[in-house]
Amino acid sequence: MTGTLTPGRIATLLGLLAVGVLTGAAGWLVVDLWFPGGLLLGLLALFGLFLGGRIAVGSGLGVGAGVLGWFLAYVVLGVPRPEGDFLLGSSGIGMYAYLLGGTILAVMCATLRAPFEGPVSAAQSGK
């Protein structure tokens, strides 16, 4: 499934983008609400999103769509409003751990090799 962009694949990527926005907004809320458990819950949701996108699309492009939605939610919720306050403020270390952990999970899922792709051999590494 790595190659051309078909209408079904584009719809899948747009769906992953939308789910990424929802997961990012929900994760932001949960991290501050229940700090240690909420952080783990938010990171687990991100892992499910990224891995599911990788499996659904069959390439790192699925992870990228989820990451784009997740980062979009972070930017929209983190920008100060004209009144001077934030829509959702986070002053603790939980949000930094959420961002760093989500980034690590995204890189892990994007560089993951699926079982159906087979093992890497020395002959394939030069391609």
C-alpha atoms as a PDB file:
ATOM      1  CA  MET A   1       0.000   0.000   0.000  1.00  0.00           C
ATOM      2  CA  THR A   2       2.920   2.353  -0.346  1.00  0.00           C
ATOM      3  CA  GLY A   3       2.652   4.371  -3.490  1.00  0.00           C
ATOM      4  CA  THR A   4      -0.164   6.262  -5.113  1.00  0.00           C
ATOM      5  CA  LEU A   5      -2.784   8.278  -3.312  1.00  0.00           C
ATOM      6  CA  THR A   6      -6.164   6.780  -4.052  1.00  0.00           C
ATOM      7  CA  PRO A   7      -9.436   8.413  -2.950  1.00  0.00           C
ATOM      8  CA  GLY A   8      -9.811   5.793  -0.211  1.00  0.00           C
ATOM      9  CA  ARG A   9      -6.321   6.459   1.080  1.00  0.00           C
ATOM     10  CA  ILE A  10      -6.903  10.218   1.076  1.00  0.00           C
ATOM     11  CA  ALA A  11     -10.139   9.712   3.028  1.00  0.00           C
ATOM     12  CA  THR A  12      -8.252   7.548   5.527  1.00  0.00           C
ATOM     13  CA  LEU A  13      -5.583  10.219   5.961  1.00  0.00           C
ATOM     14  CA  LEU A  14      -8.205  12.944   6.477  1.00  0.00           C
ATOM     15  CA  GLY A  15      -9.955  10.726   9.023  1.00  0.00           C
ATOM     16  CA  LEU A  16      -6.657  10.204  10.853  1.00  0.00           C
ATOM     17  CA  LEU A  17      -6.122  13.966  10.827  1.00  0.00           C
ATOM     18  CA  ALA A  18      -9.528  14.531  12.441  1.00  0.00           C
ATOM     19  CA  VAL A  19      -8.972  11.788  15.014  1.00  0.00           C
ATOM     20  CA  GLY A  20      -5.555  13.307  15.748  1.00  0.00           C
ATOM     21  CA  VAL A  21      -7.177  16.669  16.535  1.00  0.00           C
ATOM     22  CA  LEU A  22      -9.678  15.003  18.873  1.00  0.00           C
ATOM     23  CA  THR A  23      -7.013  12.870  20.551  1.00  0.00           C
ATOM     24  CA  GLY A  24      -4.758  15.876  21.049  1.00  0.00           C
ATOM     25  CA  ALA A  25      -7.520  17.959  22.620  1.00  0.00           C
ATOM     26  CA  ALA A  26      -8.649  15.102  24.856  1.00  0.00           C
ATOM     27  CA  GLY A  27      -5.061  14.364  25.863  1.00  0.00           C
ATOM     28  CA  TRP A  28      -4.473  17.975  26.816  1.00  0.00           C
ATOM     29  CA  LEU A  29      -7.522  17.901  29.080  1.00  0.00           C
ATOM     30  CA  VAL A  30      -6.691  14.575  30.702  1.00  0.00           C
ATOM     31  CA  VAL A  31      -3.011  15.298  31.407  1.00  0.00           C
ATOM     32  CA  ASP A  32      -3.815  18.194  33.727  1.00  0.00           C
ATOM     33  CA  LEU A  33      -6.902  16.604  35.221  1.00  0.00           C
ATOM     34  CA  TRP A  34      -5.277  13.432  36.583  1.00  0.00           C
ATOM     35  CA  PHE A  35      -1.554  13.999  36.369  1.00  0.00           C
ATOM     36  CA  PRO A  36       0.206  10.654  36.569  1.00  0.00           C
ATOM     37  CA  GLY A  37      -2.676   8.524  35.305  1.00  0.00           C
ATOM     38  CA  GLY A  38      -3.866  11.119  32.814  1.00  0.00           C
ATOM     39  CA  LEU A  39      -0.413  11.367  31.269  1.00  0.00           C
ATOM     40  CA  LEU A  40      -0.275   7.613  30.777  1.00  0.00           C
ATOM     41  CA  LEU A  41      -3.806   7.575  29.398  1.00  0.00           C
ATOM     42  CA  GLY A  42      -3.025  10.386  26.948  1.00  0.00           C
ATOM     43  CA  LEU A  43       0.179   8.712  25.780  1.00  0.00           C
ATOM     44  CA  LEU A  44      -1.605   5.386  25.372  1.00  0.00           C
ATOM     45  CA  ALA A  45      -4.248   7.078  23.226  1.00  0.00           C
ATOM     46  CA  LEU A  46      -1.522   8.660  21.085  1.00  0.00           C
ATOM     47  CA  PHE A  47       0.228   5.314  20.706  1.00  0.00           C
ATOM     48  CA  GLY A  48      -3.022   3.742  19.541  1.00  0.00           C
ATOM     49  CA  LEU A  49      -3.611   6.562  17.070  1.00  0.00           C
ATOM     50  CA  PHE A  50      -0.106   6.469  15.615  1.00  0.00           C
ATOM     51  CA  LEU A  51       0.133   2.685  15.422  1.00  0.00           C
ATOM     52  CA  GLY A  52      -3.377   2.433  14.004  1.00  0.00           C
ATOM     53  CA  GLY A  53      -2.496   5.005  11.350  1.00  0.00           C
ATOM     54  CA  ARG A  54       0.662   3.098  10.488  1.00  0.00           C
ATOM     55  CA  ILE A  55      -1.265  -0.147  10.087  1.00  0.00           C
ATOM     56  CA  ALA A  56      -4.247   1.395   8.251  1.00  0.00           C
ATOM     57  CA  VAL A  57      -2.205   3.232   5.633  1.00  0.00           C
ATOM     58  CA  GLY A  58       0.731   0.843   5.529  1.00  0.00           C
ATOM     59  CA  SER A  59       3.396   3.534   5.742  1.00  0.00           C
ATOM     60  CA  GLY A  60       4.641   6.360   7.904  1.00  0.00           C
ATOM     61  CA  LEU A  61       2.222   8.684   6.102  1.00  0.00           C
ATOM     62  CA  GLY A  62      -0.565   7.415   8.360  1.00  0.00           C
ATOM     63  CA  VAL A  63       1.481   8.351  11.408  1.00  0.00           C
ATOM     64  CA  GLY A  64       2.172  11.770   9.895  1.00  0.00           C
ATOM     65  CA  ALA A  65      -1.532  12.509   9.457  1.00  0.00           C
ATOM     66  CA  GLY A  66      -2.222  11.670  13.103  1.00  0.00           C
ATOM     67  CA  VAL A  67       0.762  13.720  14.276  1.00  0.00           C
ATOM     68  CA  LEU A  68      -0.345  16.700  12.204  1.00  0.00           C
ATOM     69  CA  GLY A  69      -3.792  16.609  13.806  1.00  0.00           C
ATOM     70  CA  TRP A  70      -2.309  16.171  17.280  1.00  0.00           C
ATOM     71  CA  PHE A  71       0.058  19.106  16.792  1.00  0.00           C
ATOM     72  CA  LEU A  72      -2.730  21.231  15.314  1.00  0.00           C
ATOM     73  CA  ALA A  73      -4.784  20.708  18.469  1.00  0.00           C
ATOM     74  CA  TYR A  74      -1.776  21.660  20.592  1.00  0.00           C
ATOM     75  CA  VAL A  75      -1.216  24.887  18.658  1.00  0.00           C
ATOM     76  CA  VAL A  76      -4.883  25.911  18.681  1.00  0.00           C
ATOM     77  CA  LEU A  77      -5.328  25.210  22.389  1.00  0.00           C
ATOM     78  CA  GLY A  78      -1.970  26.708  23.379  1.00  0.00           C
ATOM     79  CA  VAL A  79      -2.240  30.073  21.618  1.00  0.00           C
ATOM     80  CA  PRO A  80      -3.180  32.959  23.910  1.00  0.00           C
ATOM     81  CA  ARG A  81      -6.539  34.576  23.277  1.00  0.00           C
ATOM     82  CA  PRO A  82      -6.977  38.336  22.727  1.00  0.00           C
ATOM     83  CA  GLU A  83      -8.022  38.692  26.375  1.00  0.00           C
ATOM     84  CA  GLY A  84      -4.526  37.611  27.393  1.00  0.00           C
ATOM     85  CA  ASP A  85      -5.347  34.202  28.827  1.00  0.00           C
ATOM     86  CA  PHE A  86      -5.058  30.740  27.335  1.00  0.00           C
ATOM     87  CA  LEU A  87      -7.909  28.500  26.301  1.00  0.00           C
ATOM     88  CA  LEU A  88      -6.254  25.659  28.188  1.00  0.00           C
ATOM     89  CA  GLY A  89      -3.275  26.573  30.299  1.00  0.00           C
ATOM     90  CA  SER A  90      -0.702  24.137  31.561  1.00  0.00           C
ATOM     91  CA  SER A  91       1.978  25.237  33.935  1.00  0.00           C
ATOM     92  CA  GLY A  92       3.118  21.815  35.113  1.00  0.00           C
ATOM     93  CA  ILE A  93       5.627  19.370  33.809  1.00  0.00           C
ATOM     94  CA  GLY A  94       2.845  17.061  32.623  1.00  0.00           C
ATOM     95  CA  MET A  95       2.324  18.910  29.352  1.00  0.00           C
ATOM     96  CA  TYR A  96       6.028  18.831  28.528  1.00  0.00           C
ATOM     97  CA  ALA A  97       6.100  15.105  29.253  1.00  0.00           C
ATOM     98  CA  TYR A  98       3.010  14.681  27.060  1.00  0.00           C
ATOM     99  CA  LEU A  99       4.637  16.527  24.152  1.00  0.00           C
ATOM    100  CA  LEU A 100       7.971  14.745  24.480  1.00  0.00           C
ATOM    101  CA  GLY A 101       6.359  11.344  24.966  1.00  0.00           C
ATOM    102  CA  GLY A 102       4.037  11.885  22.012  1.00  0.00           C
ATOM    103  CA  THR A 103       6.948  12.887  19.822  1.00  0.00           C
ATOM    104  CA  ILE A 104       8.910   9.787  20.823  1.00  0.00           C
ATOM    105  CA  LEU A 105       5.891   7.579  20.135  1.00  0.00           C
ATOM    106  CA  ALA A 106       5.368   9.204  16.726  1.00  0.00           C
ATOM    107  CA  VAL A 107       8.980   8.591  15.709  1.00  0.00           C
ATOM    108  CA  MET A 108       8.799   5.003  16.961  1.00  0.00           C
ATOM    109  CA  CYS A 109       5.631   4.265  15.001  1.00  0.00           C
ATOM    110  CA  ALA A 110       6.840   6.033  11.846  1.00  0.00           C
ATOM    111  CA  THR A 111      10.076   4.050  11.724  1.00  0.00           C
ATOM    112  CA  LEU A 112       8.467   0.767  12.736  1.00  0.00           C
ATOM    113  CA  ARG A 113       8.769  -2.139  10.356  1.00  0.00           C
ATOM    114  CA  ALA A 114       5.593  -4.147   9.916  1.00  0.00           C
ATOM    115  CA  PRO A 115       5.708  -7.941  10.274  1.00  0.00           C
ATOM    116  CA  PHE A 116       4.430  -8.424   6.720  1.00  0.00           C
ATOM    117  CA  GLU A 117       7.395  -6.507   5.303  1.00  0.00           C
ATOM    118  CA  GLY A 118       9.765  -9.302   6.387  1.00  0.00           C
ATOM    119  CA  PRO A 119      13.185  -9.087   7.989  1.00  0.00           C
ATOM    120  CA  VAL A 120      15.870  -6.703   6.805  1.00  0.00           C
ATOM    121  CA  SER A 121      18.843  -8.417   5.200  1.00  0.00           C
ATOM    122  CA  ALA A 122      22.196  -7.065   4.111  1.00  0.00           C
ATOM    123  CA  ALA A 123      21.208  -7.455   0.460  1.00  0.00           C
ATOM    124  CA  GLN A 124      18.133  -5.206   0.900  1.00  0.00           C
ATOM    125  CA  SER A 125      19.890  -2.433   2.811  1.00  0.00           C
ATOM    126  CA  GLY A 126      21.600  -1.030  -0.311  1.00  0.00           C
ATOM    127  CA  LYS A 127      18.364  -0.400  -2.215  1.00  0.00           C
END
